[in-house]
Amino acid sequence: MFDFLYNKQMICPYCQVKGKCKTERVKRKNGISGGKVMGGLLTGGISLLATGLSRKQKMTHVRCHNCRADWYF
C-alpha cells in the first residue's frame, strides 16, 4: 500500500522551496534491538538467523521534487 501525498506546507531544508515535497510513511531498519540480542544469547544465536538484529521503526520518508533530496524523520 502506497501512502504518499504532496505536502503543500513543507519547505525543503536543502533548496528552501515550498510545496514540492512528497511524504510517505515507511518502516525502516533503525539500530540494534536489545531484546533480540538477549534472545540470541539465550538461544545460542539460532533466533538471530530468523529475525536479525535490526529493529524496524515507522518513519516518514520525504523527497523534494525540486532538488531530489531525500530525508527521513
PDB file of N, CA and C in Angstrom:
ATOM      1  N   MET A   1       0.838  -1.179   0.000  1.00  0.00           N
ATOM      2  CA  MET A   1       0.000   0.000   0.000  1.00  0.00           C
ATOM      3  C   MET A   1       0.881   1.239   0.000  1.00  0.00           C
ATOM      4  N   PHE A   2       0.650   2.109  -0.940  1.00  0.00           N
ATOM      5  CA  PHE A   2       1.399   3.348  -1.016  1.00  0.00           C
ATOM      6  C   PHE A   2       0.589   4.449  -0.350  1.00  0.00           C
ATOM      7  N   ASP A   3       1.187   5.062   0.643  1.00  0.00           N
ATOM      8  CA  ASP A   3       0.509   6.111   1.392  1.00  0.00           C
ATOM      9  C   ASP A   3       1.351   7.378   1.275  1.00  0.00           C
ATOM     10  N   PHE A   4       1.321   8.017   0.106  1.00  0.00           N
ATOM     11  CA  PHE A   4       2.118   9.217  -0.070  1.00  0.00           C
ATOM     12  C   PHE A   4       1.241  10.371  -0.533  1.00  0.00           C
ATOM     13  N   LEU A   5       1.669  11.572  -0.248  1.00  0.00           N
ATOM     14  CA  LEU A   5       0.999  12.765  -0.722  1.00  0.00           C
ATOM     15  C   LEU A   5       1.961  13.936  -0.726  1.00  0.00           C
ATOM     16  N   TYR A   6       1.642  14.903  -1.563  1.00  0.00           N
ATOM     17  CA  TYR A   6       2.449  16.111  -1.598  1.00  0.00           C
ATOM     18  C   TYR A   6       2.020  17.002  -0.445  1.00  0.00           C
ATOM     19  N   ASN A   7       2.982  17.456   0.315  1.00  0.00           N
ATOM     20  CA  ASN A   7       2.716  18.304   1.459  1.00  0.00           C
ATOM     21  C   ASN A   7       2.869  19.756   1.015  1.00  0.00           C
ATOM     22  N   LYS A   8       1.769  20.468   0.930  1.00  0.00           N
ATOM     23  CA  LYS A   8       1.766  21.844   0.426  1.00  0.00           C
ATOM     24  C   LYS A   8       2.445  22.826   1.379  1.00  0.00           C
ATOM     25  N   GLN A   9       2.553  22.476   2.670  1.00  0.00           N
ATOM     26  CA  GLN A   9       3.120  23.379   3.667  1.00  0.00           C
ATOM     27  C   GLN A   9       4.608  23.145   3.927  1.00  0.00           C
ATOM     28  N   MET A  10       5.129  21.980   3.543  1.00  0.00           N
ATOM     29  CA  MET A  10       6.510  21.626   3.875  1.00  0.00           C
ATOM     30  C   MET A  10       7.504  22.394   3.003  1.00  0.00           C
ATOM     31  N   ILE A  11       8.548  22.885   3.657  1.00  0.00           N
ATOM     32  CA  ILE A  11       9.626  23.596   2.975  1.00  0.00           C
ATOM     33  C   ILE A  11      10.861  22.704   2.997  1.00  0.00           C
ATOM     34  N   CYS A  12      11.457  22.498   1.828  1.00  0.00           N
ATOM     35  CA  CYS A  12      12.653  21.668   1.730  1.00  0.00           C
ATOM     36  C   CYS A  12      13.810  22.360   2.448  1.00  0.00           C
ATOM     37  N   PRO A  13      14.492  21.675   3.370  1.00  0.00           N
ATOM     38  CA  PRO A  13      15.608  22.298   4.088  1.00  0.00           C
ATOM     39  C   PRO A  13      16.849  22.494   3.211  1.00  0.00           C
ATOM     40  N   TYR A  14      16.879  21.890   2.032  1.00  0.00           N
ATOM     41  CA  TYR A  14      18.043  21.994   1.156  1.00  0.00           C
ATOM     42  C   TYR A  14      17.901  23.122   0.135  1.00  0.00           C
ATOM     43  N   CYS A  15      16.732  23.205  -0.550  1.00  0.00           N
ATOM     44  CA  CYS A  15      16.562  24.225  -1.592  1.00  0.00           C
ATOM     45  C   CYS A  15      15.591  25.340  -1.194  1.00  0.00           C
ATOM     46  N   GLN A  16      14.928  25.195  -0.036  1.00  0.00           N
ATOM     47  CA  GLN A  16      14.017  26.192   0.522  1.00  0.00           C
ATOM     48  C   GLN A  16      12.763  26.430  -0.327  1.00  0.00           C
ATOM     49  N   VAL A  17      12.335  25.455  -1.140  1.00  0.00           N
ATOM     50  CA  VAL A  17      11.135  25.574  -1.955  1.00  0.00           C
ATOM     51  C   VAL A  17       9.964  24.951  -1.203  1.00  0.00           C
ATOM     52  N   LYS A  18       8.830  25.629  -1.225  1.00  0.00           N
ATOM     53  CA  LYS A  18       7.644  25.182  -0.501  1.00  0.00           C
ATOM     54  C   LYS A  18       6.685  24.443  -1.443  1.00  0.00           C
ATOM     55  N   GLY A  19       6.120  23.322  -0.968  1.00  0.00           N
ATOM     56  CA  GLY A  19       5.065  22.625  -1.684  1.00  0.00           C
ATOM     57  C   GLY A  19       5.521  21.585  -2.691  1.00  0.00           C
ATOM     58  N   LYS A  20       6.785  21.288  -2.798  1.00  0.00           N
ATOM     59  CA  LYS A  20       7.290  20.307  -3.766  1.00  0.00           C
ATOM     60  C   LYS A  20       7.747  19.017  -3.097  1.00  0.00           C
ATOM     61  N   CYS A  21       7.424  18.811  -1.817  1.00  0.00           N
ATOM     62  CA  CYS A  21       7.892  17.645  -1.074  1.00  0.00           C
ATOM     63  C   CYS A  21       6.797  16.585  -1.008  1.00  0.00           C
ATOM     64  N   LYS A  22       7.175  15.347  -1.318  1.00  0.00           N
ATOM     65  CA  LYS A  22       6.272  14.208  -1.242  1.00  0.00           C
ATOM     66  C   LYS A  22       6.603  13.436   0.023  1.00  0.00           C
ATOM     67  N   THR A  23       5.602  13.139   0.853  1.00  0.00           N
ATOM     68  CA  THR A  23       5.817  12.393   2.084  1.00  0.00           C
ATOM     69  C   THR A  23       5.194  11.012   1.960  1.00  0.00           C
ATOM     70  N   GLU A  24       5.815  10.042   2.644  1.00  0.00           N
ATOM     71  CA  GLU A  24       5.349   8.667   2.601  1.00  0.00           C
ATOM     72  C   GLU A  24       5.708   7.980   3.917  1.00  0.00           C
ATOM     73  N   ARG A  25       4.752   7.264   4.518  1.00  0.00           N
ATOM     74  CA  ARG A  25       5.005   6.506   5.747  1.00  0.00           C
ATOM     75  C   ARG A  25       5.676   5.193   5.375  1.00  0.00           C
ATOM     76  N   VAL A  26       6.805   4.881   6.023  1.00  0.00           N
ATOM     77  CA  VAL A  26       7.568   3.668   5.731  1.00  0.00           C
ATOM     78  C   VAL A  26       8.049   3.040   7.037  1.00  0.00           C
ATOM     79  N   LYS A  27       8.461   1.767   6.962  1.00  0.00           N
ATOM     80  CA  LYS A  27       9.152   1.106   8.064  1.00  0.00           C
ATOM     81  C   LYS A  27      10.602   1.000   7.654  1.00  0.00           C
ATOM     82  N   ARG A  28      11.502   1.430   8.524  1.00  0.00           N
ATOM     83  CA  ARG A  28      12.921   1.468   8.200  1.00  0.00           C
ATOM     84  C   ARG A  28      13.723   0.820   9.320  1.00  0.00           C
ATOM     85  N   LYS A  29      14.756   0.061   8.934  1.00  0.00           N
ATOM     86  CA  LYS A  29      15.637  -0.542   9.933  1.00  0.00           C
ATOM     87  C   LYS A  29      16.368   0.568  10.659  1.00  0.00           C
ATOM     88  N   ASN A  30      16.396   0.450  11.995  1.00  0.00           N
ATOM     89  CA  ASN A  30      16.980   1.526  12.781  1.00  0.00           C
ATOM     90  C   ASN A  30      17.640   0.940  14.028  1.00  0.00           C
ATOM     91  N   GLY A  31      18.940   0.813  14.033  1.00  0.00           N
ATOM     92  CA  GLY A  31      19.667   0.392  15.220  1.00  0.00           C
ATOM     93  C   GLY A  31      19.548  -1.095  15.526  1.00  0.00           C
ATOM     94  N   ILE A  32      20.000  -1.446  16.698  1.00  0.00           N
ATOM     95  CA  ILE A  32      20.005  -2.838  17.153  1.00  0.00           C
ATOM     96  C   ILE A  32      19.027  -2.975  18.312  1.00  0.00           C
ATOM     97  N   SER A  33      18.200  -3.982  18.251  1.00  0.00           N
ATOM     98  CA  SER A  33      17.210  -4.233  19.295  1.00  0.00           C
ATOM     99  C   SER A  33      17.852  -4.989  20.452  1.00  0.00           C
ATOM    100  N   GLY A  34      17.752  -4.447  21.641  1.00  0.00           N
ATOM    101  CA  GLY A  34      18.308  -5.099  22.827  1.00  0.00           C
ATOM    102  C   GLY A  34      17.626  -6.421  23.136  1.00  0.00           C
ATOM    103  N   GLY A  35      16.321  -6.502  22.905  1.00  0.00           N
ATOM    104  CA  GLY A  35      15.584  -7.737  23.138  1.00  0.00           C
ATOM    105  C   GLY A  35      16.036  -8.853  22.212  1.00  0.00           C
ATOM    106  N   LYS A  36      16.341  -8.507  20.962  1.00  0.00           N
ATOM    107  CA  LYS A  36      16.813  -9.524  20.020  1.00  0.00           C
ATOM    108  C   LYS A  36      18.215 -10.005  20.382  1.00  0.00           C
ATOM    109  N   VAL A  37      19.039  -9.127  20.923  1.00  0.00           N
ATOM    110  CA  VAL A  37      20.374  -9.534  21.355  1.00  0.00           C
ATOM    111  C   VAL A  37      20.263 -10.525  22.505  1.00  0.00           C
ATOM    112  N   MET A  38      19.422 -10.223  23.487  1.00  0.00           N
ATOM    113  CA  MET A  38      19.233 -11.121  24.626  1.00  0.00           C
ATOM    114  C   MET A  38      18.644 -12.456  24.180  1.00  0.00           C
ATOM    115  N   GLY A  39      17.667 -12.429  23.276  1.00  0.00           N
ATOM    116  CA  GLY A  39      17.090 -13.669  22.768  1.00  0.00           C
ATOM    117  C   GLY A  39      18.131 -14.502  22.033  1.00  0.00           C
ATOM    118  N   GLY A  40      19.009 -13.838  21.297  1.00  0.00           N
ATOM    119  CA  GLY A  40      20.079 -14.538  20.596  1.00  0.00           C
ATOM    120  C   GLY A  40      21.054 -15.186  21.550  1.00  0.00           C
ATOM    121  N   LEU A  41      21.362 -14.498  22.646  1.00  0.00           N
ATOM    122  CA  LEU A  41      22.267 -15.075  23.636  1.00  0.00           C
ATOM    123  C   LEU A  41      21.649 -16.281  24.328  1.00  0.00           C
ATOM    124  N   LEU A  42      20.344 -16.196  24.613  1.00  0.00           N
ATOM    125  CA  LEU A  42      19.670 -17.289  25.306  1.00  0.00           C
ATOM    126  C   LEU A  42      19.472 -18.522  24.421  1.00  0.00           C
ATOM    127  N   THR A  43      19.304 -18.309  23.113  1.00  0.00           N
ATOM    128  CA  THR A  43      19.065 -19.440  22.209  1.00  0.00           C
ATOM    129  C   THR A  43      20.332 -19.877  21.486  1.00  0.00           C
ATOM    130  N   GLY A  44      21.467 -19.343  21.849  1.00  0.00           N
ATOM    131  CA  GLY A  44      22.723 -19.736  21.215  1.00  0.00           C
ATOM    132  C   GLY A  44      22.877 -19.181  19.806  1.00  0.00           C
ATOM    133  N   GLY A  45      22.143 -18.123  19.471  1.00  0.00           N
ATOM    134  CA  GLY A  45      22.264 -17.479  18.165  1.00  0.00           C
ATOM    135  C   GLY A  45      21.303 -17.975  17.114  1.00  0.00           C
ATOM    136  N   ILE A  46      20.533 -19.016  17.429  1.00  0.00           N
ATOM    137  CA  ILE A  46      19.606 -19.569  16.431  1.00  0.00           C
ATOM    138  C   ILE A  46      18.501 -18.576  16.089  1.00  0.00           C
ATOM    139  N   SER A  47      17.991 -17.843  17.062  1.00  0.00           N
ATOM    140  CA  SER A  47      16.906 -16.896  16.788  1.00  0.00           C
ATOM    141  C   SER A  47      17.378 -15.738  15.907  1.00  0.00           C
ATOM    142  N   LEU A  48      18.666 -15.424  15.928  1.00  0.00           N
ATOM    143  CA  LEU A  48      19.183 -14.327  15.111  1.00  0.00           C
ATOM    144  C   LEU A  48      19.154 -14.659  13.626  1.00  0.00           C
ATOM    145  N   LEU A  49      19.224 -15.938  13.295  1.00  0.00           N
ATOM    146  CA  LEU A  49      19.139 -16.335  11.893  1.00  0.00           C
ATOM    147  C   LEU A  49      17.773 -16.002  11.307  1.00  0.00           C
ATOM    148  N   ALA A  50      16.741 -16.122  12.122  1.00  0.00           N
ATOM    149  CA  ALA A  50      15.386 -15.861  11.649  1.00  0.00           C
ATOM    150  C   ALA A  50      15.009 -14.389  11.718  1.00  0.00           C
ATOM    151  N   THR A  51      15.482 -13.676  12.745  1.00  0.00           N
ATOM    152  CA  THR A  51      14.999 -12.311  12.954  1.00  0.00           C
ATOM    153  C   THR A  51      16.017 -11.233  12.642  1.00  0.00           C
ATOM    154  N   GLY A  52      17.299 -11.499  12.728  1.00  0.00           N
ATOM    155  CA  GLY A  52      18.309 -10.454  12.562  1.00  0.00           C
ATOM    156  C   GLY A  52      18.383  -9.596  13.807  1.00  0.00           C
ATOM    157  N   LEU A  53      19.278  -8.622  13.814  1.00  0.00           N
ATOM    158  CA  LEU A  53      19.441  -7.759  14.981  1.00  0.00           C
ATOM    159  C   LEU A  53      18.708  -6.431  14.858  1.00  0.00           C
ATOM    160  N   SER A  54      18.373  -6.025  13.649  1.00  0.00           N
ATOM    161  CA  SER A  54      17.790  -4.699  13.444  1.00  0.00           C
ATOM    162  C   SER A  54      16.344  -4.638  13.918  1.00  0.00           C
ATOM    163  N   ARG A  55      15.966  -3.481  14.392  1.00  0.00           N
ATOM    164  CA  ARG A  55      14.560  -3.250  14.712  1.00  0.00           C
ATOM    165  C   ARG A  55      14.000  -2.327  13.638  1.00  0.00           C
ATOM    166  N   LYS A  56      12.716  -2.477  13.356  1.00  0.00           N
ATOM    167  CA  LYS A  56      12.072  -1.641  12.341  1.00  0.00           C
ATOM    168  C   LYS A  56      11.228  -0.595  13.038  1.00  0.00           C
ATOM    169  N   GLN A  57      11.325   0.622  12.537  1.00  0.00           N
ATOM    170  CA  GLN A  57      10.626   1.739  13.141  1.00  0.00           C
ATOM    171  C   GLN A  57       9.830   2.469  12.070  1.00  0.00           C
ATOM    172  N   LYS A  58       8.612   2.887  12.400  1.00  0.00           N
ATOM    173  CA  LYS A  58       7.801   3.665  11.465  1.00  0.00           C
ATOM    174  C   LYS A  58       8.363   5.073  11.377  1.00  0.00           C
ATOM    175  N   MET A  59       8.595   5.526  10.154  1.00  0.00           N
ATOM    176  CA  MET A  59       9.153   6.855   9.920  1.00  0.00           C
ATOM    177  C   MET A  59       8.437   7.475   8.725  1.00  0.00           C
ATOM    178  N   THR A  60       8.720   8.728   8.476  1.00  0.00           N
ATOM    179  CA  THR A  60       8.207   9.416   7.300  1.00  0.00           C
ATOM    180  C   THR A  60       9.368   9.684   6.356  1.00  0.00           C
ATOM    181  N   HIS A  61       9.241   9.224   5.121  1.00  0.00           N
ATOM    182  CA  HIS A  61      10.242   9.471   4.081  1.00  0.00           C
ATOM    183  C   HIS A  61       9.775  10.671   3.267  1.00  0.00           C
ATOM    184  N   VAL A  62      10.663  11.624   3.046  1.00  0.00           N
ATOM    185  CA  VAL A  62      10.329  12.835   2.296  1.00  0.00           C
ATOM    186  C   VAL A  62      11.271  12.944   1.104  1.00  0.00           C
ATOM    187  N   ARG A  63      10.714  13.293  -0.046  1.00  0.00           N
ATOM    188  CA  ARG A  63      11.516  13.530  -1.246  1.00  0.00           C
ATOM    189  C   ARG A  63      11.081  14.853  -1.860  1.00  0.00           C
ATOM    190  N   CYS A  64      12.050  15.729  -2.086  1.00  0.00           N
ATOM    191  CA  CYS A  64      11.793  17.013  -2.726  1.00  0.00           C
ATOM    192  C   CYS A  64      11.853  16.812  -4.238  1.00  0.00           C
ATOM    193  N   HIS A  65      10.803  17.202  -4.926  1.00  0.00           N
ATOM    194  CA  HIS A  65      10.781  17.036  -6.375  1.00  0.00           C
ATOM    195  C   HIS A  65      11.374  18.248  -7.092  1.00  0.00           C
ATOM    196  N   ASN A  66      11.930  19.166  -6.358  1.00  0.00           N
ATOM    197  CA  ASN A  66      12.655  20.292  -6.961  1.00  0.00           C
ATOM    198  C   ASN A  66      14.148  19.981  -7.036  1.00  0.00           C
ATOM    199  N   CYS A  67      14.749  19.579  -5.895  1.00  0.00           N
ATOM    200  CA  CYS A  67      16.197  19.325  -5.850  1.00  0.00           C
ATOM    201  C   CYS A  67      16.531  17.837  -5.707  1.00  0.00           C
ATOM    202  N   ARG A  68      15.518  16.940  -5.607  1.00  0.00           N
ATOM    203  CA  ARG A  68      15.687  15.491  -5.496  1.00  0.00           C
ATOM    204  C   ARG A  68      16.353  15.030  -4.209  1.00  0.00           C
ATOM    205  N   ALA A  69      16.285  15.826  -3.155  1.00  0.00           N
ATOM    206  CA  ALA A  69      16.857  15.452  -1.856  1.00  0.00           C
ATOM    207  C   ALA A  69      15.902  14.478  -1.156  1.00  0.00           C
ATOM    208  N   ASP A  70      16.468  13.508  -0.423  1.00  0.00           N
ATOM    209  CA  ASP A  70      15.710  12.542   0.382  1.00  0.00           C
ATOM    210  C   ASP A  70      16.101  12.686   1.835  1.00  0.00           C
ATOM    211  N   TRP A  71      15.118  12.573   2.744  1.00  0.00           N
ATOM    212  CA  TRP A  71      15.418  12.529   4.165  1.00  0.00           C
ATOM    213  C   TRP A  71      14.283  11.851   4.914  1.00  0.00           C
ATOM    214  N   TYR A  72      14.569  11.448   6.130  1.00  0.00           N
ATOM    215  CA  TYR A  72      13.620  10.750   6.999  1.00  0.00           C
ATOM    216  C   TYR A  72      13.444  11.508   8.301  1.00  0.00           C
ATOM    217  N   PHE A  73      12.253  11.416   8.862  1.00  0.00           N
ATOM    218  CA  PHE A  73      12.027  11.895  10.220  1.00  0.00           C
ATOM    219  C   PHE A  73      10.956  11.060  10.873  1.00  0.00           C
TER     220      PHE A  73
END
